[in-house]
Amino acid sequence: MDAGRVWRLYHRGELIGEIDEQSRDFPWTYGRFRPQPGFEPLRPLFAAWNAAVDAEDDEAMERAYDAVRAAVTMTHPDGRQVAEFLLSIEDDEAGFRWHDEPFEDG
């Protein structure tokens, strides 16, 4: 793992948080989440995602995923935009998986 890798989250072009990468367990990456002030209005989206996952509610997971992806973009540590990702944020912990190509429906 490359030490010091920082992934960044944006909402409408504004930096809303950073994830300091700490570990990987393929295909997941984990890190410490450092929110910026613009993150607070989006926190409920991540709470809904976490609740849906905990409940194993596929329909709620899909709605929550769509809401997060409509509101948030992510960049690699080198600044390139991540094409597709699943992201969980709870308190100061983040877990995500990403892909360089958009996921296909179906």
Protein backbone atom coordinates (compact mmCIF):
# COMPACT_ATOMS: atom_id res chain seq x y z
CA MET A 1 0.00 0.00 0.00
CA ASP A 2 1.20 3.51 -0.78
CA ALA A 3 1.39 5.55 2.43
CA GLY A 4 -0.21 8.97 2.41
CA ARG A 5 -2.78 8.35 -0.30
CA VAL A 6 -5.70 10.78 0.00
CA TRP A 7 -8.96 10.30 -1.89
CA ARG A 8 -11.20 13.37 -2.16
CA LEU A 9 -14.97 13.78 -2.24
CA TYR A 10 -16.78 16.66 -3.93
CA HIS A 11 -20.32 17.99 -4.11
CA ARG A 12 -21.01 20.36 -7.01
CA GLY A 13 -17.28 21.01 -7.33
CA GLU A 14 -16.78 21.82 -3.62
CA LEU A 15 -14.42 19.66 -1.56
CA ILE A 16 -16.57 18.04 1.13
CA GLY A 17 -14.17 15.49 2.57
CA GLU A 18 -10.94 13.53 2.33
CA ILE A 19 -10.21 9.89 3.00
CA ASP A 20 -6.73 9.09 4.25
CA GLU A 21 -6.18 5.56 2.95
CA GLN A 22 -5.16 3.18 5.74
CA SER A 23 -5.73 -0.36 4.45
CA ARG A 24 -7.04 -2.47 1.60
CA ASP A 25 -8.89 -5.77 1.54
CA PHE A 26 -9.59 -6.25 -2.17
CA PRO A 27 -11.88 -4.97 -3.52
CA TRP A 28 -12.39 -2.61 -0.55
CA THR A 29 -10.23 0.29 0.57
CA TYR A 30 -10.52 1.72 4.09
CA GLY A 31 -9.45 4.97 5.62
CA ARG A 32 -10.01 7.80 8.05
CA PHE A 33 -12.62 10.27 6.84
CA ARG A 34 -11.97 13.97 7.35
CA PRO A 35 -15.17 15.91 6.61
CA GLN A 36 -15.18 19.48 5.43
CA PRO A 37 -18.03 21.88 6.35
CA GLY A 38 -19.91 21.10 3.12
CA PHE A 39 -20.29 17.46 4.12
CA GLU A 40 -22.84 17.98 6.91
CA PRO A 41 -25.90 18.43 4.65
CA LEU A 42 -24.97 15.15 2.91
CA ARG A 43 -24.43 13.10 6.07
CA PRO A 44 -28.07 11.80 5.99
CA LEU A 45 -27.41 10.20 2.58
CA PHE A 46 -24.67 8.06 4.11
CA ALA A 47 -26.80 7.28 7.16
CA ALA A 48 -29.52 6.01 4.80
CA TRP A 49 -26.98 3.88 2.92
CA ASN A 50 -25.64 2.36 6.16
CA ALA A 51 -29.16 1.65 7.45
CA ALA A 52 -30.14 -0.03 4.17
CA VAL A 53 -27.02 -2.20 4.19
CA ASP A 54 -27.57 -3.16 7.83
CA ALA A 55 -31.19 -4.08 7.04
CA GLU A 56 -30.13 -5.97 3.89
CA ASP A 57 -32.88 -4.04 2.06
CA ASP A 58 -31.94 -4.19 -1.63
CA GLU A 59 -34.47 -1.56 -2.74
CA ALA A 60 -33.39 0.89 -0.04
CA MET A 61 -29.73 0.21 -0.89
CA GLU A 62 -30.38 1.05 -4.53
CA ARG A 63 -32.18 4.29 -3.63
CA ALA A 64 -29.43 5.28 -1.19
CA TYR A 65 -26.68 4.42 -3.68
CA ASP A 66 -28.39 6.50 -6.37
CA ALA A 67 -28.72 9.45 -3.97
CA VAL A 68 -25.05 9.30 -2.97
CA ARG A 69 -23.86 9.00 -6.57
CA ALA A 70 -26.09 11.90 -7.66
CA ALA A 71 -24.61 14.12 -4.95
CA VAL A 72 -20.96 13.09 -4.66
CA THR A 73 -17.98 12.68 -6.95
CA MET A 74 -14.65 11.17 -5.94
CA THR A 75 -11.09 11.63 -7.11
CA HIS A 76 -8.08 9.34 -6.97
CA PRO A 77 -5.05 10.51 -4.99
CA ASP A 78 -3.55 11.69 -8.31
CA GLY A 79 -6.59 13.90 -8.98
CA ARG A 80 -8.30 11.78 -11.66
CA GLN A 81 -12.05 11.39 -11.20
CA VAL A 82 -13.25 7.94 -10.12
CA ALA A 83 -15.75 6.66 -12.69
CA GLU A 84 -17.75 4.48 -10.31
CA PHE A 85 -17.68 3.74 -6.59
CA LEU A 86 -19.54 2.37 -3.59
CA LEU A 87 -18.86 4.42 -0.48
CA SER A 88 -19.73 4.01 3.17
CA ILE A 89 -18.98 6.71 5.72
CA GLU A 90 -19.70 6.29 9.40
CA ASP A 91 -18.28 8.79 11.88
CA ASP A 92 -14.59 9.13 10.91
CA GLU A 93 -14.33 5.81 9.06
CA ALA A 94 -14.79 5.28 5.35
CA GLY A 95 -14.84 2.16 3.21
CA PHE A 96 -15.14 2.14 -0.55
CA ARG A 97 -14.61 0.18 -3.68
CA TRP A 98 -14.03 1.83 -7.01
CA HIS A 99 -13.70 1.12 -10.70
CA ASP A 100 -12.21 3.08 -13.59
CA GLU A 101 -15.22 2.31 -15.80
CA PRO A 102 -18.91 2.98 -14.99
CA PHE A 103 -20.82 -0.05 -13.70
CA GLU A 104 -23.21 -1.53 -16.24
CA ASP A 105 -26.91 -1.83 -15.39
CA GLY A 106 -28.40 -5.25 -15.39
